[in-house]
N, C-alpha and C. Protein backbone atom coordinates (compact mmCIF):
# COMPACT_ATOMS: atom_id res chain seq x y z
N UNK A 1 -15.31 -23.46 5.70
CA UNK A 1 -15.52 -21.86 5.80
C UNK A 1 -14.45 -21.36 5.41
N UNK A 2 -13.76 -20.26 4.63
CA UNK A 2 -12.89 -20.00 4.96
C UNK A 2 -12.68 -19.03 6.34
N UNK A 3 -11.67 -19.02 6.65
CA UNK A 3 -11.66 -18.03 7.98
C UNK A 3 -11.95 -16.03 7.86
N UNK A 4 -12.38 -15.93 8.04
CA UNK A 4 -11.75 -14.49 7.81
C UNK A 4 -10.74 -13.61 8.15
N UNK A 5 -10.73 -12.36 7.10
CA UNK A 5 -9.09 -11.79 7.33
C UNK A 5 -9.33 -10.87 8.32
N UNK A 6 -8.72 -10.76 9.36
CA UNK A 6 -8.14 -10.56 11.01
C UNK A 6 -7.75 -9.05 10.62
N UNK A 7 -8.85 -7.72 11.45
CA UNK A 7 -8.02 -6.75 11.40
C UNK A 7 -7.57 -6.10 12.55
N UNK A 8 -6.37 -5.37 12.80
CA UNK A 8 -6.07 -4.64 13.85
C UNK A 8 -5.77 -3.20 13.33
N UNK A 9 -6.80 -2.25 14.20
CA UNK A 9 -7.43 -0.94 13.62
C UNK A 9 -6.45 0.04 14.13
N UNK A 10 -5.61 1.19 13.49
CA UNK A 10 -5.05 1.71 15.08
C UNK A 10 -5.09 3.54 14.34
N UNK A 11 -5.98 3.87 14.89
CA UNK A 11 -6.12 5.53 14.64
C UNK A 11 -6.13 6.46 16.06
N UNK A 12 -5.49 7.25 16.35
CA UNK A 12 -5.51 8.29 17.75
C UNK A 12 -6.67 8.88 17.54
N UNK A 13 -7.87 9.05 16.84
CA UNK A 13 -8.86 9.68 16.48
C UNK A 13 -10.42 8.44 17.09
N UNK A 14 -10.87 8.70 18.07
CA UNK A 14 -11.59 7.53 18.89
C UNK A 14 -13.09 7.17 17.38
N UNK A 15 -12.91 8.26 17.09
CA UNK A 15 -14.19 8.43 16.12
C UNK A 15 -13.95 8.00 14.78
N UNK A 16 -12.46 8.04 14.56
CA UNK A 16 -12.66 7.42 13.13
C UNK A 16 -12.58 5.92 12.96
N UNK A 17 -11.94 5.70 14.64
CA UNK A 17 -10.98 4.65 14.63
C UNK A 17 -12.75 3.71 15.24
N UNK A 18 -13.28 3.65 16.12
CA UNK A 18 -14.73 3.41 15.60
C UNK A 18 -15.51 3.29 14.62
N UNK A 19 -15.20 4.05 13.71
CA UNK A 19 -16.03 4.35 12.49
C UNK A 19 -15.50 2.97 11.94
N UNK A 20 -14.14 3.05 11.40
CA UNK A 20 -13.36 2.03 10.58
C UNK A 20 -13.73 0.39 11.12
N UNK A 21 -13.76 0.65 12.44
CA UNK A 21 -14.26 -0.98 12.82
C UNK A 21 -15.29 -1.36 13.03
N UNK A 22 -16.22 -0.67 12.93
CA UNK A 22 -17.99 -0.68 12.63
C UNK A 22 -18.29 -1.52 11.57
N UNK A 23 -17.96 -0.52 10.39
CA UNK A 23 -17.62 -1.14 8.98
C UNK A 23 -17.94 -2.47 8.79
N UNK A 24 -15.88 -2.12 9.21
CA UNK A 24 -14.87 -3.66 9.10
C UNK A 24 -15.97 -4.76 9.66
N UNK A 25 -16.56 -5.14 10.57
CA UNK A 25 -17.27 -6.38 11.71
C UNK A 25 -18.71 -6.18 10.09
N UNK A 26 -18.99 -5.01 10.04
CA UNK A 26 -19.96 -6.10 8.91
C UNK A 26 -20.61 -6.17 8.24
N UNK A 27 -19.23 -6.72 8.04
CA UNK A 27 -18.74 -8.00 7.25
C UNK A 27 -17.97 -9.19 7.41
N UNK A 28 -18.93 -9.91 6.32
CA UNK A 28 -18.61 -11.67 7.07
C UNK A 28 -17.40 -11.28 7.39
N UNK A 29 -16.50 -11.71 5.50
CA UNK A 29 -15.59 -12.30 5.89
C UNK A 29 -14.21 -11.17 6.51
N UNK A 30 -14.76 -9.83 6.73
CA UNK A 30 -13.53 -9.17 7.89
C UNK A 30 -13.85 -9.51 9.36
N UNK A 31 -12.56 -9.13 10.06
CA UNK A 31 -12.63 -9.36 12.07
C UNK A 31 -12.07 -8.98 12.10
N UNK A 32 -12.28 -7.82 12.94
CA UNK A 32 -12.11 -6.50 13.95
C UNK A 32 -11.42 -7.02 14.84
N UNK A 33 -9.62 -7.68 15.37
CA UNK A 33 -9.18 -8.42 16.50
C UNK A 33 -8.34 -6.86 17.80
N UNK A 34 -8.52 -6.38 17.03
CA UNK A 34 -8.22 -4.91 18.19
C UNK A 34 -8.07 -3.55 17.91
N UNK A 35 -8.29 -2.83 18.23
CA UNK A 35 -8.39 -1.60 18.61
C UNK A 35 -7.26 -0.90 19.52
N UNK A 36 -6.76 0.40 18.38
CA UNK A 36 -5.55 1.30 19.41
C UNK A 36 -5.54 2.74 18.89
N UNK A 37 -5.03 3.41 19.88
CA UNK A 37 -4.46 4.96 19.43
C UNK A 37 -3.34 5.23 18.70
N UNK A 38 -1.52 4.33 19.42
CA UNK A 38 -0.92 5.04 18.96
C UNK A 38 -0.20 3.93 18.99
N UNK A 39 1.24 4.12 17.67
CA UNK A 39 1.73 3.34 17.18
C UNK A 39 2.55 2.18 17.79
N UNK A 40 2.91 2.70 19.17
CA UNK A 40 3.60 1.70 20.01
C UNK A 40 2.36 0.44 20.67
N UNK A 41 1.18 1.25 20.35
CA UNK A 41 0.63 -0.51 21.07
C UNK A 41 -0.14 -0.93 19.83
N UNK A 42 0.46 -0.11 19.11
CA UNK A 42 0.24 -1.48 17.75
C UNK A 42 1.37 -1.99 17.42
N UNK A 43 1.94 -1.54 17.33
CA UNK A 43 3.43 -3.05 17.36
C UNK A 43 3.18 -4.30 18.36
N UNK A 44 3.15 -3.74 19.45
CA UNK A 44 2.90 -4.89 20.27
C UNK A 44 1.40 -5.81 20.25
N UNK A 45 -0.02 -4.97 19.82
CA UNK A 45 -0.79 -5.95 20.15
C UNK A 45 -0.67 -6.57 18.35
N UNK A 46 0.22 -6.21 17.81
CA UNK A 46 0.17 -7.02 16.19
C UNK A 46 1.24 -8.23 16.72
N UNK A 47 1.69 -7.92 17.28
CA UNK A 47 2.72 -9.00 17.47
C UNK A 47 2.39 -10.28 18.62
N UNK A 48 0.91 -9.83 19.53
CA UNK A 48 0.34 -11.08 19.73
C UNK A 48 -0.80 -11.56 18.94
N UNK A 49 -1.56 -10.41 18.46
CA UNK A 49 -2.86 -10.96 17.83
C UNK A 49 -2.41 -11.04 16.39
N UNK A 50 -1.12 -11.59 15.73
CA UNK A 50 -1.30 -11.16 14.67
C UNK A 50 -2.77 -11.09 13.16
N UNK A 51 -3.31 -9.88 13.55
CA UNK A 51 -3.64 -9.56 12.32
C UNK A 51 -3.29 -10.20 11.29
N UNK A 52 -4.04 -10.24 9.68
CA UNK A 52 -3.37 -10.46 8.60
C UNK A 52 -3.87 -9.03 8.09
N UNK A 53 -3.32 -8.07 8.70
CA UNK A 53 -4.03 -6.47 8.41
C UNK A 53 -3.90 -5.38 9.30
N UNK A 54 -2.70 -4.48 8.95
CA UNK A 54 -2.73 -3.01 10.54
C UNK A 54 -3.90 -2.03 9.50
N UNK A 55 -4.56 -2.01 9.72
CA UNK A 55 -4.82 0.23 8.86
C UNK A 55 -4.13 0.90 10.00
N UNK A 56 -3.61 1.51 8.82
CA UNK A 56 -2.55 2.16 10.24
C UNK A 56 -2.67 3.90 9.88
N UNK A 57 -2.88 4.50 10.68
CA UNK A 57 -3.04 5.70 10.49
C UNK A 57 -1.71 6.60 10.77
N UNK A 58 -1.21 7.58 10.29
CA UNK A 58 0.17 8.10 10.45
C UNK A 58 0.50 8.77 11.01
N UNK A 59 -0.34 10.04 11.72
CA UNK A 59 0.42 10.78 11.94
C UNK A 59 -0.49 10.71 13.98
N UNK A 60 0.20 9.70 15.06
CA UNK A 60 -0.06 9.14 16.34
C UNK A 60 0.96 9.30 17.22
N UNK A 61 0.35 9.47 18.61
CA UNK A 61 1.28 9.85 19.95
C UNK A 61 2.06 8.61 19.83
N UNK A 62 3.06 8.84 20.73
CA UNK A 62 3.97 8.12 21.12
C UNK A 62 5.08 6.93 19.94
N UNK A 63 4.56 6.84 19.34
CA UNK A 63 5.36 6.72 18.17
C UNK A 63 3.85 6.07 17.29
N UNK A 64 4.61 7.38 16.21
CA UNK A 64 4.06 7.71 14.64
C UNK A 64 3.74 6.67 13.65
N UNK A 65 2.83 6.29 12.86
CA UNK A 65 2.97 5.10 11.78
C UNK A 65 3.42 4.62 10.83
N UNK A 66 4.72 6.17 10.95
CA UNK A 66 5.77 5.43 10.09
C UNK A 66 6.02 4.44 10.48
N UNK A 67 7.20 4.63 11.63
CA UNK A 67 7.80 4.22 12.66
C UNK A 67 7.36 2.79 13.10
N UNK A 68 5.98 2.65 12.88
CA UNK A 68 5.17 1.97 13.48
C UNK A 68 4.62 0.62 12.41
N UNK A 69 4.81 1.40 11.16
CA UNK A 69 5.02 0.26 9.81
C UNK A 69 6.47 0.16 9.38
N UNK A 70 7.26 0.54 10.19
CA UNK A 70 9.00 0.05 9.47
C UNK A 70 8.99 -0.99 10.54
N UNK A 71 8.40 -1.32 12.19
CA UNK A 71 8.92 -2.02 12.52
C UNK A 71 7.83 -3.29 12.49
N UNK A 72 6.73 -2.66 11.85
CA UNK A 72 5.98 -4.19 11.24
C UNK A 72 5.60 -5.11 9.93
N UNK A 73 6.38 -3.98 8.92
CA UNK A 73 6.69 -4.80 7.86
C UNK A 73 8.19 -4.00 7.21
N UNK A 74 8.90 -3.06 7.47
CA UNK A 74 10.03 -2.56 7.24
C UNK A 74 10.80 -3.75 6.59
N UNK A 75 12.36 -3.61 5.93
CA UNK A 75 13.12 -4.84 5.50
C UNK A 75 13.70 -4.87 6.69
N UNK A 76 14.15 -6.14 6.87
CA UNK A 76 14.83 -7.12 7.82
C UNK A 76 13.68 -7.59 8.69
N UNK A 77 12.60 -7.08 8.54
CA UNK A 77 11.66 -7.71 9.67
C UNK A 77 10.97 -9.07 9.53
N UNK A 78 11.90 -10.33 10.49
CA UNK A 78 11.47 -11.63 10.51
C UNK A 78 10.17 -11.61 9.51
N UNK A 79 9.30 -11.19 10.33
CA UNK A 79 7.82 -12.18 10.23
C UNK A 79 7.23 -10.68 9.63
N UNK A 80 7.00 -9.96 8.90
CA UNK A 80 6.04 -8.78 8.71
C UNK A 80 4.90 -9.15 8.64
N UNK A 81 4.00 -7.76 8.95
CA UNK A 81 2.60 -7.78 9.05
C UNK A 81 2.01 -7.10 7.88
N UNK A 82 1.34 -7.27 7.17
CA UNK A 82 0.42 -5.81 5.46
C UNK A 82 0.20 -5.17 6.66
N UNK A 83 0.83 -4.25 6.16
CA UNK A 83 -0.20 -2.75 7.01
C UNK A 83 -0.70 -1.77 5.44
N UNK A 84 -2.39 -1.53 6.01
CA UNK A 84 -2.74 -0.33 4.68
C UNK A 84 -2.47 0.95 6.52
N UNK A 85 -1.99 1.85 5.49
CA UNK A 85 -2.10 3.67 5.46
C UNK A 85 -2.63 3.71 5.37
N UNK A 86 -3.24 4.91 6.41
CA UNK A 86 -4.74 5.88 5.45
C UNK A 86 -4.60 7.18 6.03
N UNK A 87 -4.34 7.73 5.21
CA UNK A 87 -3.84 9.39 5.19
C UNK A 87 -4.96 10.32 4.56
N UNK A 88 -4.60 11.56 5.14
CA UNK A 88 -4.84 12.65 4.46
C UNK A 88 -4.23 13.99 3.04
N UNK A 89 -4.80 14.67 2.78
CA UNK A 89 -3.51 15.07 2.05
C UNK A 89 -2.61 15.94 2.45
N UNK A 90 -2.59 16.39 3.62
CA UNK A 90 -1.69 17.47 3.81
C UNK A 90 -0.55 16.60 4.96
N UNK A 91 -0.43 15.26 4.56
CA UNK A 91 0.23 14.46 5.45
C UNK A 91 1.59 13.44 4.59
N UNK A 92 0.83 14.48 3.02
CA UNK A 92 1.64 13.13 1.92
C UNK A 92 2.88 12.57 2.23
N UNK A 93 4.01 13.65 2.88
CA UNK A 93 5.07 14.04 2.73
C UNK A 93 5.34 12.27 4.25
N UNK A 94 4.30 12.83 4.74
CA UNK A 94 4.18 11.37 5.93
C UNK A 94 4.49 10.09 4.96
N UNK A 95 3.33 9.81 4.82
CA UNK A 95 3.13 8.94 3.54
C UNK A 95 4.17 8.59 3.03
N UNK A 96 4.84 9.30 2.52
CA UNK A 96 5.69 9.16 1.34
C UNK A 96 7.18 8.04 1.84
N UNK A 97 7.37 8.53 3.25
CA UNK A 97 8.43 8.01 4.62
C UNK A 97 7.40 6.08 4.77
N UNK A 98 6.32 5.86 4.67
CA UNK A 98 5.40 5.10 4.97
C UNK A 98 6.03 4.10 3.39
N UNK A 99 5.91 4.65 3.15
CA UNK A 99 6.04 3.91 1.40
C UNK A 99 7.55 3.41 1.47
N UNK A 100 8.75 3.84 1.69
CA UNK A 100 9.63 3.70 2.18
C UNK A 100 9.83 2.28 3.39
N UNK A 101 8.51 2.89 4.20
CA UNK A 101 9.20 1.59 5.26
C UNK A 101 8.14 0.16 4.99
N UNK A 102 7.70 0.35 4.58
CA UNK A 102 7.32 -1.31 4.08
C UNK A 102 5.80 -1.53 4.29
N UNK A 103 4.64 0.13 3.88
CA UNK A 103 3.70 -0.57 4.04
C UNK A 103 2.98 -0.78 2.12
N UNK A 104 1.93 -1.33 2.81
CA UNK A 104 1.46 -2.39 1.55
C UNK A 104 -0.15 -1.95 0.19
N UNK A 105 -0.17 -0.86 1.47
CA UNK A 105 -1.26 -0.08 0.39
C UNK A 105 -1.39 1.68 1.72
N UNK A 106 -2.41 2.59 0.24
CA UNK A 106 -2.23 3.04 0.79
C UNK A 106 -3.95 3.50 0.67
N UNK A 107 -4.58 5.08 1.46
CA UNK A 107 -5.94 5.30 0.86
C UNK A 107 -6.14 6.80 1.71
N UNK A 108 -7.24 7.17 1.12
CA UNK A 108 -6.84 8.55 1.66
C UNK A 108 -8.25 8.42 3.18
N UNK A 109 -8.00 9.00 4.21
CA UNK A 109 -8.98 9.31 5.28
C UNK A 109 -10.84 9.48 4.58
N UNK A 110 -10.67 10.01 3.58
CA UNK A 110 -12.81 10.06 3.14
C UNK A 110 -12.83 9.80 2.18
N UNK A 111 -11.75 8.28 1.96
CA UNK A 111 -12.47 7.44 0.57
C UNK A 111 -13.46 6.53 1.05
N UNK A 112 -14.53 6.07 0.44
CA UNK A 112 -16.06 5.46 1.06
C UNK A 112 -15.64 3.83 1.21
N UNK A 113 -16.38 3.82 2.07
CA UNK A 113 -15.93 2.45 2.63
C UNK A 113 -15.90 1.26 1.76
N UNK A 114 -16.59 1.40 0.62
CA UNK A 114 -16.57 0.13 -0.12
C UNK A 114 -14.88 -0.26 -0.41
N UNK A 115 -13.99 1.23 -0.67
CA UNK A 115 -12.62 1.38 -1.62
C UNK A 115 -11.73 0.84 -0.25
N UNK A 116 -12.45 0.91 0.88
CA UNK A 116 -11.81 0.72 2.30
C UNK A 116 -11.68 -0.63 2.77
N UNK A 117 -12.79 -1.13 1.79
CA UNK A 117 -12.96 -2.76 2.74
C UNK A 117 -11.86 -3.90 1.27
N UNK A 118 -12.13 -3.11 0.26
CA UNK A 118 -11.23 -3.84 -0.59
C UNK A 118 -10.51 -3.55 -0.56
N UNK A 119 -9.55 -2.34 -0.11
CA UNK A 119 -7.93 -1.99 0.29
C UNK A 119 -7.60 -3.50 0.86
N UNK A 120 -8.54 -3.16 2.74
CA UNK A 120 -7.83 -4.26 2.97
C UNK A 120 -7.62 -6.13 2.75
N UNK A 121 -8.68 -6.37 1.90
CA UNK A 121 -8.93 -7.48 1.11
C UNK A 121 -7.39 -7.42 0.18
N UNK A 122 -7.94 -6.64 0.03
CA UNK A 122 -6.25 -6.36 -2.06
C UNK A 122 -5.16 -7.15 -0.76
N UNK A 123 -4.39 -5.73 0.01
CA UNK A 123 -3.27 -5.82 0.88
C UNK A 123 -3.84 -7.14 1.80
N UNK A 124 -4.58 -7.84 2.56
CA UNK A 124 -4.09 -9.21 3.16
C UNK A 124 -4.12 -10.33 1.77
N UNK A 125 -4.25 -10.05 0.56
CA UNK A 125 -4.36 -10.84 -0.67
C UNK A 125 -2.98 -11.13 -1.63
N UNK A 126 -1.80 -9.65 -0.29
CA UNK A 126 -0.03 -9.53 -1.25
C UNK A 126 -0.67 -8.83 -2.01
N UNK A 127 -1.08 -8.09 -2.81
CA UNK A 127 -0.78 -7.57 -4.19
C UNK A 127 -1.47 -5.76 -2.85
N UNK A 128 -0.30 -5.33 -3.68
CA UNK A 128 -0.24 -3.58 -2.61
C UNK A 128 -1.50 -2.74 -3.91
N UNK A 129 -1.13 -1.72 -2.18
CA UNK A 129 -2.81 -0.49 -3.04
C UNK A 129 -2.66 0.53 -3.14
N UNK A 130 -2.61 1.18 -3.75
CA UNK A 130 -1.87 2.52 -4.10
C UNK A 130 -3.84 3.01 -4.84
N UNK A 131 -3.88 4.24 -4.23
CA UNK A 131 -4.63 4.74 -4.03
C UNK A 131 -4.70 5.60 -5.29
N UNK A 132 -5.16 5.81 -6.40
CA UNK A 132 -5.03 7.16 -7.76
C UNK A 132 -4.65 8.13 -7.26
N UNK A 133 -5.39 8.61 -6.27
CA UNK A 133 -4.48 10.31 -6.20
C UNK A 133 -4.33 10.38 -5.39
N UNK A 134 -3.14 9.48 -4.38
CA UNK A 134 -2.40 9.74 -3.75
C UNK A 134 -1.27 9.68 -4.34
N UNK A 135 -1.27 8.53 -5.52
CA UNK A 135 -0.05 8.37 -6.31
C UNK A 135 0.28 8.70 -7.21
N UNK A 136 -0.82 10.17 -7.92
CA UNK A 136 0.05 11.43 -8.79
C UNK A 136 0.08 12.53 -7.59
N UNK A 137 -0.68 12.59 -6.31
CA UNK A 137 -0.46 13.86 -5.97
C UNK A 137 0.92 14.01 -4.76
N UNK A 138 1.06 12.42 -4.18
CA UNK A 138 2.46 12.08 -3.38
C UNK A 138 3.70 11.45 -4.32
N UNK A 139 3.62 10.22 -4.40
CA UNK A 139 4.83 10.07 -5.46
C UNK A 139 5.44 10.96 -6.17
N UNK A 140 4.42 11.65 -7.19
CA UNK A 140 4.89 12.30 -8.23
C UNK A 140 5.26 13.96 -7.44
N UNK A 141 4.52 14.32 -6.47
CA UNK A 141 5.37 15.78 -6.04
C UNK A 141 6.69 15.66 -5.23
N UNK A 142 6.91 13.69 -4.86
CA UNK A 142 8.27 13.63 -4.33
C UNK A 142 9.82 12.91 -5.43
N UNK A 143 8.89 12.93 -6.44
CA UNK A 143 9.09 12.04 -7.86
C UNK A 143 10.93 12.53 -7.63
N UNK A 144 10.94 14.08 -7.42
CA UNK A 144 12.58 14.75 -7.76
C UNK A 144 13.38 14.10 -6.15
N UNK A 145 12.55 13.26 -5.25
CA UNK A 145 13.69 12.91 -4.66
C UNK A 145 13.95 10.97 -4.58
N UNK A 146 13.16 10.96 -5.42
CA UNK A 146 13.70 9.37 -5.31
C UNK A 146 13.51 8.80 -6.80
N UNK A 147 14.35 9.93 -7.58
CA UNK A 147 14.20 9.87 -9.04
C UNK A 147 15.63 9.53 -9.01
N UNK A 148 16.62 10.60 -8.73
CA UNK A 148 18.39 9.56 -9.24
C UNK A 148 18.72 8.31 -8.57
N UNK A 149 19.05 7.54 -9.09
CA UNK A 149 19.44 6.73 -8.89
C UNK A 149 19.98 5.67 -9.28
N UNK A 150 20.33 4.66 -8.90
CA UNK A 150 21.25 3.23 -9.47
C UNK A 150 20.62 3.24 -10.83
N UNK A 151 21.39 3.24 -12.14
CA UNK A 151 20.95 3.03 -13.69
C UNK A 151 20.08 3.90 -14.25
N UNK A 152 19.73 3.61 -15.27
CA UNK A 152 18.62 4.64 -16.37
C UNK A 152 17.79 3.90 -16.53
N UNK A 153 16.84 4.30 -16.81
CA UNK A 153 15.75 3.71 -18.75
C UNK A 153 16.51 2.98 -19.07
N UNK A 154 17.49 2.57 -19.79
CA UNK A 154 17.73 1.70 -20.44
C UNK A 154 18.46 0.24 -19.68
N UNK A 155 18.41 0.82 -18.61
CA UNK A 155 18.87 -0.59 -18.03
C UNK A 155 18.06 -1.30 -17.82
N UNK A 156 17.00 -1.35 -17.49
CA UNK A 156 15.79 -1.59 -17.26
C UNK A 156 15.33 -3.32 -18.46
N UNK A 157 15.08 -4.04 -17.82
CA UNK A 157 14.89 -5.72 -18.49
C UNK A 157 13.86 -6.17 -18.66
N UNK A 158 13.17 -5.02 -19.34
CA UNK A 158 12.15 -5.34 -19.64
C UNK A 158 11.17 -4.97 -20.84
N UNK A 159 10.22 -5.27 -21.64
CA UNK A 159 9.62 -5.70 -23.09
C UNK A 159 9.05 -4.63 -22.93
N UNK A 160 8.88 -3.93 -24.35
CA UNK A 160 8.02 -2.69 -23.50
C UNK A 160 6.70 -2.54 -23.85
N UNK A 161 5.77 -3.95 -24.28
CA UNK A 161 4.75 -3.87 -23.76
C UNK A 161 4.53 -3.61 -22.57
N UNK A 162 5.79 -4.71 -20.99
CA UNK A 162 5.83 -4.45 -19.42
C UNK A 162 6.76 -2.70 -19.21
N UNK A 163 7.27 -2.06 -20.25
CA UNK A 163 7.21 -1.13 -19.57
C UNK A 163 6.30 0.12 -19.39
N UNK A 164 5.44 -0.22 -20.05
CA UNK A 164 4.05 0.59 -20.67
C UNK A 164 3.36 -0.12 -19.44
N UNK A 165 3.40 -1.66 -19.50
CA UNK A 165 2.08 -1.66 -17.99
C UNK A 165 2.91 -0.76 -16.90
N UNK A 166 4.11 -1.21 -16.28
CA UNK A 166 4.42 -0.65 -15.37
C UNK A 166 4.92 1.15 -15.38
N UNK A 167 4.35 1.74 -16.20
CA UNK A 167 4.22 3.26 -16.30
C UNK A 167 2.90 3.31 -15.55
N UNK A 168 1.58 2.72 -16.48
CA UNK A 168 0.40 2.77 -15.99
C UNK A 168 0.64 2.55 -13.89
N UNK A 169 1.35 1.55 -14.14
CA UNK A 169 1.11 1.84 -12.87
C UNK A 169 1.57 2.27 -11.86
N UNK A 170 2.55 2.92 -12.30
CA UNK A 170 3.35 3.99 -11.09
C UNK A 170 2.16 5.69 -11.13
N UNK A 171 1.59 5.61 -12.64
CA UNK A 171 0.52 6.16 -13.06
C UNK A 171 -0.84 6.08 -11.05
N UNK A 172 -0.80 5.28 -10.90
CA UNK A 172 -1.38 4.55 -10.18
C UNK A 172 -2.56 3.74 -10.71
N UNK A 173 -2.87 3.64 -11.79
CA UNK A 173 -3.78 2.21 -12.39
C UNK A 173 -4.15 1.12 -11.57
N UNK A 174 -5.46 0.41 -11.40
CA UNK A 174 -5.73 -0.17 -11.24
C UNK A 174 -5.03 -1.25 -12.35
N UNK A 175 -5.27 -3.03 -12.33
CA UNK A 175 -5.84 -3.69 -12.97
C UNK A 175 -7.02 -2.87 -14.19
N UNK A 176 -7.96 -3.23 -13.62
CA UNK A 176 -8.49 -3.49 -14.36
C UNK A 176 -8.79 -1.67 -14.97
N UNK A 177 -8.83 -0.54 -14.57
CA UNK A 177 -8.18 0.40 -15.40
C UNK A 177 -7.07 0.17 -16.46
N UNK A 178 -5.79 -0.58 -16.31
CA UNK A 178 -4.22 -0.59 -16.79
C UNK A 178 -5.83 -1.60 -18.33
N UNK A 179 -6.16 -2.97 -18.14
CA UNK A 179 -6.91 -3.58 -18.77
C UNK A 179 -7.65 -2.77 -19.58
N UNK A 180 -8.55 -1.48 -20.34
CA UNK A 180 -8.85 -0.79 -19.86
C UNK A 180 -8.54 0.21 -21.29
N UNK A 181 -6.90 0.80 -20.66
CA UNK A 181 -6.37 1.74 -21.24
C UNK A 181 -5.23 0.99 -22.08
N UNK A 182 -5.21 0.12 -22.38
CA UNK A 182 -4.81 -0.62 -23.43
C UNK A 182 -5.37 -1.96 -23.94
N UNK A 183 -6.61 -1.75 -23.98
CA UNK A 183 -7.65 -3.14 -24.26
C UNK A 183 -6.78 -4.48 -24.44
N UNK A 184 -6.57 -4.58 -23.70
CA UNK A 184 -6.61 -6.26 -23.02
C UNK A 184 -7.44 -6.82 -21.54
N UNK A 185 -6.82 -8.18 -21.69
CA UNK A 185 -8.11 -8.94 -20.61
C UNK A 185 -7.75 -8.13 -18.94
N UNK A 186 -8.17 -8.41 -18.31
CA UNK A 186 -7.46 -8.42 -17.43
C UNK A 186 -6.70 -9.58 -16.44
N UNK A 187 -6.87 -10.60 -17.14
CA UNK A 187 -6.23 -11.88 -16.81
C UNK A 187 -4.47 -11.52 -17.07
N UNK A 188 -4.38 -10.54 -18.53
CA UNK A 188 -3.47 -10.61 -19.36
C UNK A 188 -2.44 -8.92 -18.44
N UNK A 189 -3.12 -8.45 -17.51
CA UNK A 189 -2.47 -7.66 -17.26
C UNK A 189 -2.19 -8.35 -15.67
N UNK A 190 -2.85 -8.78 -15.08
CA UNK A 190 -2.37 -9.51 -14.02
C UNK A 190 -0.88 -10.19 -14.74
N UNK A 191 -1.21 -11.07 -15.81
CA UNK A 191 0.12 -11.92 -16.34
C UNK A 191 2.09 -11.07 -16.31
N UNK A 192 1.43 -9.44 -16.71
CA UNK A 192 2.14 -8.43 -17.67
C UNK A 192 2.68 -8.31 -15.78
N UNK A 193 1.52 -7.82 -14.75
CA UNK A 193 1.91 -7.66 -13.58
C UNK A 193 2.89 -8.42 -12.20
N UNK A 194 3.06 -9.50 -12.55
CA UNK A 194 3.71 -10.45 -11.79
C UNK A 194 4.69 -10.98 -12.81
N UNK A 195 4.90 -10.94 -14.23
CA UNK A 195 6.40 -10.34 -14.89
C UNK A 195 7.40 -9.63 -14.76
N UNK A 196 6.47 -8.62 -14.78
CA UNK A 196 7.41 -7.45 -13.97
C UNK A 196 8.13 -7.58 -12.55
N UNK A 197 7.23 -7.57 -11.14
CA UNK A 197 7.41 -8.08 -10.44
C UNK A 197 9.05 -9.58 -9.90
N UNK A 198 8.79 -10.18 -10.87
CA UNK A 198 9.78 -11.32 -11.19
C UNK A 198 10.59 -10.82 -11.96
N UNK A 199 10.47 -10.11 -12.69
CA UNK A 199 12.13 -9.18 -13.63
C UNK A 199 13.15 -8.78 -12.82
N UNK A 200 12.21 -7.17 -11.94
CA UNK A 200 12.61 -6.31 -11.24
C UNK A 200 13.11 -6.72 -9.51
N UNK A 201 13.03 -8.70 -9.65
CA UNK A 201 12.84 -8.42 -7.99
C UNK A 201 12.51 -7.59 -6.92
N UNK A 202 10.92 -7.43 -7.47
CA UNK A 202 10.53 -6.64 -6.35
C UNK A 202 9.11 -7.02 -5.88
N UNK A 203 8.86 -6.44 -4.30
CA UNK A 203 7.89 -7.25 -3.81
C UNK A 203 6.90 -7.16 -4.08
N UNK A 204 6.30 -5.56 -4.53
CA UNK A 204 4.87 -5.33 -4.85
C UNK A 204 4.92 -4.25 -5.98
N UNK A 205 3.45 -4.30 -6.40
CA UNK A 205 3.20 -2.43 -6.86
C UNK A 205 3.60 -1.05 -6.07
N UNK A 206 3.86 -1.37 -5.03
CA UNK A 206 4.46 0.18 -3.67
C UNK A 206 5.96 -0.21 -4.52
N UNK A 207 6.53 -1.07 -4.59
CA UNK A 207 7.95 -0.83 -4.83
C UNK A 207 8.19 -0.54 -6.26
N UNK A 208 7.39 -0.85 -6.95
CA UNK A 208 7.60 -1.07 -8.83
C UNK A 208 7.21 0.56 -8.75
N UNK A 209 5.86 1.55 -8.45
CA UNK A 209 6.08 2.80 -8.43
C UNK A 209 7.53 3.48 -8.11
N UNK A 210 8.36 3.25 -7.18
CA UNK A 210 9.57 3.52 -6.39
C UNK A 210 10.62 3.62 -7.16
N UNK A 211 10.47 2.17 -7.98
CA UNK A 211 11.19 1.49 -9.19
C UNK A 211 11.27 2.61 -10.33
N UNK A 212 9.59 2.61 -11.02
CA UNK A 212 9.68 3.57 -12.61
C UNK A 212 10.11 4.86 -11.95
N UNK A 213 10.42 5.43 -10.91
CA UNK A 213 10.68 6.40 -10.45
C UNK A 213 12.38 6.67 -10.16
N UNK A 214 12.14 5.65 -9.91
CA UNK A 214 14.26 5.96 -9.23
C UNK A 214 14.95 6.37 -10.77
N UNK A 215 14.26 5.35 -12.20
CA UNK A 215 14.65 5.22 -13.10
C UNK A 215 13.80 5.77 -14.17
N UNK A 216 13.45 7.32 -13.51
CA UNK A 216 13.11 7.95 -15.02
C UNK A 216 12.06 7.36 -15.94
N UNK A 217 11.72 6.38 -15.70
CA UNK A 217 10.43 5.93 -16.51
C UNK A 217 8.91 7.25 -16.17
N UNK A 218 9.29 7.37 -15.39
CA UNK A 218 7.70 8.52 -15.74
C UNK A 218 8.18 9.57 -14.43
N UNK A 219 7.67 11.00 -14.68
CA UNK A 219 8.22 12.13 -14.25
C UNK A 219 7.03 12.46 -14.01
């Protein structure tokens, strides 16, 4: 039998924290191994418990979720922990910073329970999860901050179809949505995504979104 995905829940609001933990623990393939209300404790617990995924709030006391995410999953971390950030629209600038800090996924706090569970499983599997609304509202709003960068769209080493898929990823579409948009199979989309990440030397879809904006491929 496959071991359950081990989850650490970090949110300074006890009601939300308990709600998340209850939803997660009700699943046979998920297990809450710890709960906490600040980022510093999250970092300490993650080092001790080694969860598969940390569900992380952004605005918290002692150490906020951005700094905690950077310590858990940021560049240069020897043994990174996967982080799924939960946020609200009025914290979108903070989430942009969390993206840069290494978060592997984003969800809104008012997302339905099945989306939270899907997000945990997706991030645990090593894929990135970007809520479509978060992508459009967040990354789009701060595109002017991240678009000016090295190179241009003419330097992108992707075939036309791969560029098309990358633009759809940057729009926040899931693999299934991309497949429906381009009228191709889900497996074909997965192949394109894997090829894109390999060619561009990117870790996940989050980095692919940032790359697309930096190169001016989306606006």
